[in-house]
Amino acid sequence: MAELHLKNLVKIYDGGVTAVHDFNMDIKDGEFIVLVGPSGCGKSTTLRMIAGLEDISSGTLLIDDKDCTSLPAKDRDIAMVFQNYALYGNMTIYENMAFSLALRKVSPEEIHKKVMYAADVLGLVDQLNKKPKELSGGQRQRVAMGRAIVRDPKVFLFDEPLSNLDAKLRNSMRREIKLLHHRLKTTMIYVTHDQTEALTLADRIVVMSMGRVQQIGTPYEVYNKPRNAFVGYFIGNPSMNFFEARVIGDVLVGKNDFIYKLNEDEKRRLSKYDNVPVLFAIRPENITLGGDYKLKVDLIEHLGQYSLIHGVINEYQVIVKAAGWVNYNQGDIIDVDFKKDKICFFDLDDGHII
């Protein structure tokens, strides 16, 4: 297990393209950190800098207070699990898991002990004599994790390990990775573009965009208290609803006579924005059925425990997440309202929370 300190990490590629800007974070011993963001946001580049697979252009990486900024990957005591399992097809599962230890000339007794421990943790004991082609995708990914476990590293790095699996198997493997972390209590850093994985796995989430950290926080914090409009949009499925409206005294005035009356707390927060447009934002589950606003229904998605109502309020496209199975038809007009304690306001120019 290990603590990591990432101080002002920057990655600049040939040609002057900056992939990661000034990344700063302290990671606690045994913490599960998830880096999440859209393609090209710099999350995998950051992971590869930690692993030693990418040079760090500037900044400092400390692992247990040891400066690893320029240390070769093989000397960092880190194990990495990739999206591609990259198993040796001509070897058994046992041989695949033992391979890295055999290269290091670890004794056969110690190899057997470590492989059997990893196989037990991952439920692979009865698969050890099989070849990779005889295993399912989920089992192969567990073998890839087993190769990392046998090394007993200070830090585990995961680079989108579930991307090649179908939806049901991803759910199962996500649970297994979380249980693995509980059992091993090792520091883990996990990269994904899937915000569901981020919310369910992480102790803390790092949301990235365009090579910059947008917010670091617990799943609760990034979901319920987004620091800017990008985080509110990216985290959550469906994402936040956004309304552009202008502050006029004690009300927000938007499209097609949309008016939202501000309470005293909201007036205080928006006091510097009088006669200035802002973004009014609210999550779909925080729009309630029944109230003062009229929503024209466009589409209903029934998803079992809840339904997604797609519609329009005063020309704003809106999604409402309603409990259970609702029976509305296209064109129906329904009454809705907003939970006032769940509304966010963002600066229209820089996207920061107000």
Protein backbone atom coordinates (compact mmCIF):
# COMPACT_ATOMS: atom_id res chain seq x y z
CA MET A 1 0.00 0.00 0.00
CA ALA A 2 1.15 3.55 -0.67
CA GLU A 3 0.44 7.25 -0.55
CA LEU A 4 0.89 9.25 -3.75
CA HIS A 5 1.50 12.95 -4.17
CA LEU A 6 1.02 14.39 -7.66
CA LYS A 7 2.38 17.93 -7.74
CA ASN A 8 1.86 20.18 -10.78
CA LEU A 9 2.06 17.30 -13.27
CA VAL A 10 2.17 18.45 -16.88
CA LYS A 11 2.38 16.41 -20.08
CA ILE A 12 3.39 18.16 -23.30
CA TYR A 13 3.79 16.10 -26.47
CA ASP A 14 6.00 16.87 -29.45
CA GLY A 15 4.48 19.77 -31.34
CA GLY A 16 3.55 21.60 -28.17
CA VAL A 17 0.24 19.84 -27.51
CA THR A 18 -0.47 19.88 -23.76
CA ALA A 19 -2.41 16.76 -22.76
CA VAL A 20 -2.40 17.37 -18.99
CA HIS A 21 -2.28 20.79 -17.30
CA ASP A 22 -1.03 21.24 -13.74
CA PHE A 23 -2.49 18.10 -12.13
CA ASN A 24 -2.38 18.24 -8.31
CA MET A 25 -3.63 15.57 -5.91
CA ASP A 26 -2.72 13.77 -2.70
CA ILE A 27 -3.90 10.14 -2.65
CA LYS A 28 -4.22 8.40 0.68
CA ASP A 29 -2.94 4.93 1.50
CA GLY A 30 -5.57 2.37 0.46
CA GLU A 31 -7.79 4.91 -1.32
CA PHE A 32 -9.76 4.06 -4.47
CA ILE A 33 -9.46 6.97 -6.91
CA VAL A 34 -11.34 7.14 -10.22
CA LEU A 35 -10.28 9.47 -13.04
CA VAL A 36 -13.28 10.11 -15.27
CA GLY A 37 -13.99 12.28 -18.28
CA PRO A 38 -14.68 12.19 -22.02
CA SER A 39 -12.23 10.87 -24.59
CA GLY A 40 -9.14 13.07 -24.88
CA CYS A 41 -9.51 14.64 -21.44
CA GLY A 42 -6.08 13.44 -20.24
CA LYS A 43 -7.14 10.76 -17.77
CA SER A 44 -5.25 7.86 -19.37
CA THR A 45 -2.20 10.08 -19.94
CA THR A 46 -2.20 10.92 -16.23
CA LEU A 47 -2.41 7.22 -15.35
CA ARG A 48 0.45 6.41 -17.71
CA MET A 49 2.60 9.13 -16.15
CA ILE A 50 1.99 7.54 -12.74
CA ALA A 51 2.90 4.13 -14.19
CA GLY A 52 6.07 5.42 -15.83
CA LEU A 53 4.80 4.61 -19.34
CA GLU A 54 4.79 8.32 -20.23
CA ASP A 55 7.51 10.81 -19.33
CA ILE A 56 6.43 13.65 -17.05
CA SER A 57 7.12 16.96 -18.83
CA SER A 58 7.17 18.90 -15.55
CA GLY A 59 6.02 18.44 -11.97
CA THR A 60 6.75 15.84 -9.31
CA LEU A 61 5.41 12.36 -8.53
CA LEU A 62 6.02 11.01 -5.03
CA ILE A 63 5.17 7.47 -3.99
CA ASP A 64 5.55 7.02 -0.23
CA ASP A 65 7.60 10.24 -0.21
CA LYS A 66 10.04 8.78 -2.77
CA ASP A 67 10.54 10.91 -5.85
CA CYS A 68 9.49 8.68 -8.76
CA THR A 69 9.24 11.43 -11.38
CA SER A 70 12.05 9.99 -13.51
CA LEU A 71 12.13 6.46 -12.10
CA PRO A 72 11.71 3.63 -14.67
CA ALA A 73 8.33 1.89 -14.63
CA LYS A 74 9.86 -1.40 -13.45
CA ASP A 75 11.16 0.25 -10.27
CA ARG A 76 7.91 1.90 -9.14
CA ASP A 77 6.27 -1.20 -7.60
CA ILE A 78 3.08 -0.59 -9.54
CA ALA A 79 0.86 -3.11 -11.33
CA MET A 80 -1.38 -2.12 -14.22
CA VAL A 81 -4.49 -3.77 -15.66
CA PHE A 82 -5.30 -2.73 -19.22
CA GLN A 83 -8.47 -2.70 -21.32
CA ASN A 84 -6.93 -5.47 -23.44
CA TYR A 85 -6.30 -8.58 -21.32
CA ALA A 86 -3.21 -9.53 -23.40
CA LEU A 87 -3.08 -13.09 -22.05
CA TYR A 88 -0.67 -15.65 -23.47
CA GLY A 89 -2.88 -18.00 -25.46
CA ASN A 90 -0.44 -20.92 -25.36
CA MET A 91 -0.19 -20.85 -21.54
CA THR A 92 -2.61 -22.09 -18.92
CA ILE A 93 -4.25 -19.62 -16.57
CA TYR A 94 -1.84 -20.71 -13.83
CA GLU A 95 1.14 -20.09 -16.12
CA ASN A 96 -0.23 -16.68 -17.18
CA MET A 97 -0.58 -15.59 -13.58
CA ALA A 98 2.84 -16.97 -12.61
CA PHE A 99 4.74 -15.60 -15.61
CA SER A 100 5.93 -12.27 -14.19
CA LEU A 101 7.10 -13.97 -11.00
CA ALA A 102 8.98 -16.63 -12.95
CA LEU A 103 10.79 -13.89 -14.89
CA ARG A 104 11.92 -12.46 -11.57
CA LYS A 105 13.20 -15.90 -10.58
CA VAL A 106 10.87 -16.16 -7.57
CA SER A 107 10.97 -19.64 -6.05
CA PRO A 108 8.37 -22.15 -7.31
CA GLU A 109 6.97 -22.50 -3.79
CA GLU A 110 6.43 -18.74 -3.46
CA ILE A 111 4.95 -18.55 -6.97
CA HIS A 112 2.46 -21.30 -6.13
CA LYS A 113 1.49 -19.59 -2.91
CA LYS A 114 0.87 -16.24 -4.60
CA VAL A 115 -0.98 -17.69 -7.59
CA MET A 116 -3.28 -19.78 -5.39
CA TYR A 117 -4.01 -16.78 -3.19
CA ALA A 118 -4.91 -14.62 -6.20
CA ALA A 119 -6.98 -17.41 -7.75
CA ASP A 120 -8.90 -17.83 -4.50
CA VAL A 121 -9.55 -14.08 -4.22
CA LEU A 122 -10.82 -13.96 -7.81
CA GLY A 123 -12.71 -17.26 -7.90
CA LEU A 124 -10.40 -18.82 -10.48
CA VAL A 125 -9.13 -21.90 -8.62
CA ASP A 126 -11.07 -24.32 -10.84
CA GLN A 127 -9.92 -22.52 -14.03
CA LEU A 128 -6.15 -22.69 -13.51
CA ASN A 129 -5.52 -25.57 -15.92
CA LYS A 130 -7.52 -24.05 -18.75
CA LYS A 131 -6.29 -21.92 -21.64
CA PRO A 132 -7.56 -18.32 -22.08
CA LYS A 133 -9.72 -19.26 -25.08
CA GLU A 134 -11.79 -21.52 -22.80
CA LEU A 135 -12.75 -18.61 -20.50
CA SER A 136 -15.41 -15.93 -20.78
CA GLY A 137 -14.53 -12.26 -21.15
CA GLY A 138 -15.16 -11.63 -17.47
CA GLN A 139 -12.96 -14.55 -16.44
CA ARG A 140 -10.14 -13.35 -18.70
CA GLN A 141 -10.30 -9.92 -17.11
CA ARG A 142 -10.08 -11.58 -13.69
CA VAL A 143 -6.96 -13.41 -14.87
CA ALA A 144 -5.49 -10.06 -15.91
CA MET A 145 -6.22 -8.75 -12.41
CA GLY A 146 -4.71 -11.93 -10.95
CA ARG A 147 -1.43 -11.24 -12.76
CA ALA A 148 -1.36 -7.88 -11.00
CA ILE A 149 -2.29 -9.28 -7.57
CA VAL A 150 0.49 -11.89 -7.51
CA ARG A 151 3.05 -9.09 -7.71
CA ASP A 152 1.71 -7.63 -4.43
CA PRO A 153 2.32 -4.05 -5.66
CA LYS A 154 2.04 -0.81 -3.70
CA VAL A 155 -0.42 0.60 -6.23
CA PHE A 156 -2.90 -0.92 -8.70
CA LEU A 157 -3.66 1.02 -11.87
CA PHE A 158 -6.70 0.18 -14.02
CA ASP A 159 -7.03 1.65 -17.53
CA GLU A 160 -10.67 1.19 -18.60
CA PRO A 161 -10.60 -2.54 -17.76
CA LEU A 162 -14.31 -3.16 -18.38
CA SER A 163 -14.75 -1.40 -21.73
CA ASN A 164 -14.68 -4.63 -23.75
CA LEU A 165 -17.40 -6.34 -21.69
CA ASP A 166 -21.15 -6.32 -22.27
CA ALA A 167 -23.39 -4.29 -19.95
CA LYS A 168 -24.44 -7.15 -17.66
CA LEU A 169 -20.87 -8.40 -17.28
CA ARG A 170 -19.62 -4.87 -16.58
CA ASN A 171 -22.04 -4.65 -13.67
CA SER A 172 -20.79 -7.97 -12.29
CA MET A 173 -17.11 -7.09 -12.71
CA ARG A 174 -17.63 -3.66 -11.18
CA ARG A 175 -18.87 -5.37 -8.02
CA GLU A 176 -15.93 -7.77 -8.06
CA ILE A 177 -13.41 -4.92 -8.34
CA LYS A 178 -15.00 -3.13 -5.40
CA LEU A 179 -14.93 -6.30 -3.31
CA LEU A 180 -11.31 -6.85 -4.36
CA HIS A 181 -10.41 -3.41 -3.06
CA HIS A 182 -12.16 -4.10 0.25
CA ARG A 183 -10.21 -7.34 0.58
CA LEU A 184 -6.76 -6.14 -0.50
CA LYS A 185 -6.99 -2.60 0.97
CA THR A 186 -4.43 -1.48 -1.62
CA THR A 187 -4.24 1.96 -3.23
CA MET A 188 -6.07 1.80 -6.57
CA ILE A 189 -6.33 4.36 -9.37
CA TYR A 190 -8.93 3.59 -12.01
CA VAL A 191 -9.57 5.32 -15.35
CA THR A 192 -12.94 5.24 -17.08
CA HIS A 193 -15.21 7.31 -19.31
CA ASP A 194 -18.23 5.67 -17.66
CA GLN A 195 -19.56 7.91 -14.90
CA THR A 196 -21.61 5.01 -13.46
CA GLU A 197 -18.36 3.16 -12.78
CA ALA A 198 -16.93 6.31 -11.22
CA LEU A 199 -19.89 6.84 -8.88
CA THR A 200 -20.11 3.21 -7.74
CA LEU A 201 -16.40 2.42 -7.32
CA ALA A 202 -14.65 5.54 -6.10
CA ASP A 203 -13.75 6.83 -2.67
CA ARG A 204 -13.00 10.05 -4.54
CA ILE A 205 -13.58 11.02 -8.16
CA VAL A 206 -11.38 13.22 -10.33
CA VAL A 207 -13.45 14.76 -13.13
CA MET A 208 -11.30 15.89 -16.07
CA SER A 209 -11.92 17.85 -19.26
CA MET A 210 -9.48 19.18 -21.87
CA GLY A 211 -6.51 18.05 -19.78
CA ARG A 212 -7.61 19.94 -16.68
CA VAL A 213 -9.05 18.79 -13.37
CA GLN A 214 -12.61 20.12 -13.05
CA GLN A 215 -13.41 18.74 -9.59
CA ILE A 216 -12.06 16.31 -7.03
CA GLY A 217 -14.52 14.99 -4.48
CA THR A 218 -16.52 12.07 -3.13
CA PRO A 219 -19.22 10.62 -5.38
CA TYR A 220 -21.79 12.49 -3.25
CA GLU A 221 -19.97 15.78 -3.70
CA VAL A 222 -19.48 15.62 -7.47
CA TYR A 223 -23.08 14.48 -8.00
CA ASN A 224 -24.88 16.80 -5.59
CA LYS A 225 -22.46 19.74 -5.46
CA PRO A 226 -20.88 20.08 -8.92
CA ARG A 227 -18.23 22.78 -9.01
CA ASN A 228 -19.10 23.85 -12.54
CA ALA A 229 -21.57 23.24 -15.33
CA PHE A 230 -19.34 20.65 -17.04
CA VAL A 231 -19.34 18.42 -13.94
CA GLY A 232 -23.12 18.80 -13.60
CA TYR A 233 -23.56 17.85 -17.24
CA PHE A 234 -21.07 14.96 -17.35
CA ILE A 235 -21.82 13.27 -14.01
CA GLY A 236 -25.27 11.72 -13.84
CA ASN A 237 -27.39 9.75 -16.27
CA PRO A 238 -29.41 11.52 -17.54
CA SER A 239 -27.40 14.70 -16.98
CA MET A 240 -28.66 17.89 -15.37
CA ASN A 241 -31.32 19.99 -17.05
CA PHE A 242 -30.08 23.49 -17.91
CA PHE A 243 -32.14 26.64 -18.40
CA GLU A 244 -30.57 29.92 -19.48
CA ALA A 245 -32.47 32.77 -17.81
CA ARG A 246 -31.89 36.36 -16.76
CA VAL A 247 -31.98 37.60 -13.17
CA ILE A 248 -34.53 40.42 -12.90
CA GLY A 249 -34.95 41.51 -9.29
CA ASP A 250 -36.38 38.57 -7.36
CA VAL A 251 -37.19 36.36 -10.37
CA LEU A 252 -35.48 34.52 -13.20
CA VAL A 253 -36.97 35.31 -16.59
CA GLY A 254 -36.34 32.90 -19.48
CA LYS A 255 -37.74 31.74 -22.79
CA ASN A 256 -41.41 32.07 -23.65
CA ASP A 257 -42.35 33.84 -20.40
CA PHE A 258 -40.62 31.28 -18.17
CA ILE A 259 -40.49 32.79 -14.67
CA TYR A 260 -38.93 31.27 -11.57
CA LYS A 261 -39.37 33.11 -8.27
CA LEU A 262 -36.21 33.29 -6.17
CA ASN A 263 -36.26 32.67 -2.44
CA GLU A 264 -34.17 34.77 -0.03
CA ASP A 265 -31.15 32.44 -0.19
CA GLU A 266 -31.23 32.39 -3.99
CA LYS A 267 -31.54 36.19 -4.17
CA ARG A 268 -28.47 36.47 -1.94
CA ARG A 269 -26.45 34.04 -4.10
CA LEU A 270 -27.46 35.88 -7.28
CA SER A 271 -27.17 39.42 -5.89
CA LYS A 272 -24.25 40.27 -8.20
CA TYR A 273 -26.06 39.00 -11.28
CA ASP A 274 -29.00 41.41 -11.49
CA ASN A 275 -30.07 41.77 -15.15
CA VAL A 276 -27.44 39.19 -16.11
CA PRO A 277 -28.15 35.78 -17.69
CA VAL A 278 -27.19 32.68 -15.67
CA LEU A 279 -27.65 28.93 -15.98
CA PHE A 280 -30.41 27.44 -13.83
CA ALA A 281 -29.78 23.70 -13.44
CA ILE A 282 -31.56 20.79 -11.79
CA ARG A 283 -31.25 17.00 -11.97
CA PRO A 284 -34.11 15.02 -13.55
CA GLU A 285 -35.06 13.30 -10.27
CA ASN A 286 -35.47 16.69 -8.59
CA ILE A 287 -38.29 17.76 -10.88
CA THR A 288 -41.49 16.56 -9.22
CA LEU A 289 -44.89 15.75 -10.66
CA GLY A 290 -47.51 18.30 -9.69
CA GLY A 291 -46.78 22.01 -9.48
CA ASP A 292 -46.86 25.38 -11.24
CA TYR A 293 -44.96 24.59 -14.45
CA LYS A 294 -46.45 23.00 -17.55
CA LEU A 295 -44.48 20.29 -19.33
CA LYS A 296 -45.52 19.06 -22.76
CA VAL A 297 -44.62 15.38 -23.11
CA ASP A 298 -42.54 14.32 -26.13
CA LEU A 299 -41.49 10.80 -25.14
CA ILE A 300 -41.62 8.34 -22.24
CA GLU A 301 -38.88 5.80 -21.52
CA HIS A 302 -40.01 3.05 -19.13
CA LEU A 303 -37.03 1.62 -17.23
CA GLY A 304 -38.70 -0.51 -14.58
CA GLN A 305 -38.08 1.21 -11.26
CA TYR A 306 -38.43 4.63 -12.86
CA SER A 307 -39.56 6.36 -16.04
CA LEU A 308 -37.86 9.15 -17.99
CA ILE A 309 -40.29 11.79 -19.21
CA HIS A 310 -38.84 13.84 -22.08
CA GLY A 311 -40.66 17.07 -22.74
CA VAL A 312 -40.66 20.83 -23.04
CA ILE A 313 -41.18 23.57 -20.44
CA ASN A 314 -41.46 27.02 -22.05
CA GLU A 315 -39.27 25.93 -25.01
CA TYR A 316 -36.63 24.32 -22.73
CA GLN A 317 -35.93 20.63 -23.43
CA VAL A 318 -36.34 18.82 -20.10
CA ILE A 319 -36.00 15.28 -18.74
CA VAL A 320 -37.94 14.28 -15.62
CA LYS A 321 -37.04 11.09 -13.74
CA ALA A 322 -40.24 9.81 -12.13
CA ALA A 323 -40.58 6.82 -9.82
CA GLY A 324 -42.37 3.77 -11.15
CA TRP A 325 -44.27 3.31 -14.40
CA VAL A 326 -46.01 6.48 -15.58
CA ASN A 327 -48.73 6.51 -18.21
CA TYR A 328 -48.56 9.63 -20.34
CA ASN A 329 -48.85 10.05 -24.07
CA GLN A 330 -47.02 12.27 -26.51
CA GLY A 331 -48.57 15.73 -26.41
CA ASP A 332 -49.95 15.44 -22.87
CA ILE A 333 -49.53 18.51 -20.68
CA ILE A 334 -48.51 17.68 -17.10
CA ASP A 335 -47.82 19.85 -14.06
CA VAL A 336 -44.31 19.76 -12.58
CA ASP A 337 -42.24 21.66 -10.02
CA PHE A 338 -38.62 22.03 -8.89
CA LYS A 339 -37.14 21.00 -5.54
CA LYS A 340 -35.75 24.36 -4.47
CA ASP A 341 -32.99 22.94 -2.27
CA LYS A 342 -31.63 20.96 -5.25
CA ILE A 343 -31.28 23.80 -7.76
CA CYS A 344 -27.83 24.94 -8.90
CA PHE A 345 -26.91 28.24 -10.55
CA PHE A 346 -23.86 28.56 -12.79
CA ASP A 347 -22.10 31.58 -14.24
CA LEU A 348 -22.89 31.65 -17.94
CA ASP A 349 -19.42 32.89 -18.94
CA ASP A 350 -17.06 30.56 -17.03
CA GLY A 351 -19.51 27.83 -15.95
CA HIS A 352 -18.53 28.08 -12.26
CA ILE A 353 -21.09 27.42 -9.54
CA ILE A 354 -22.69 30.53 -8.07
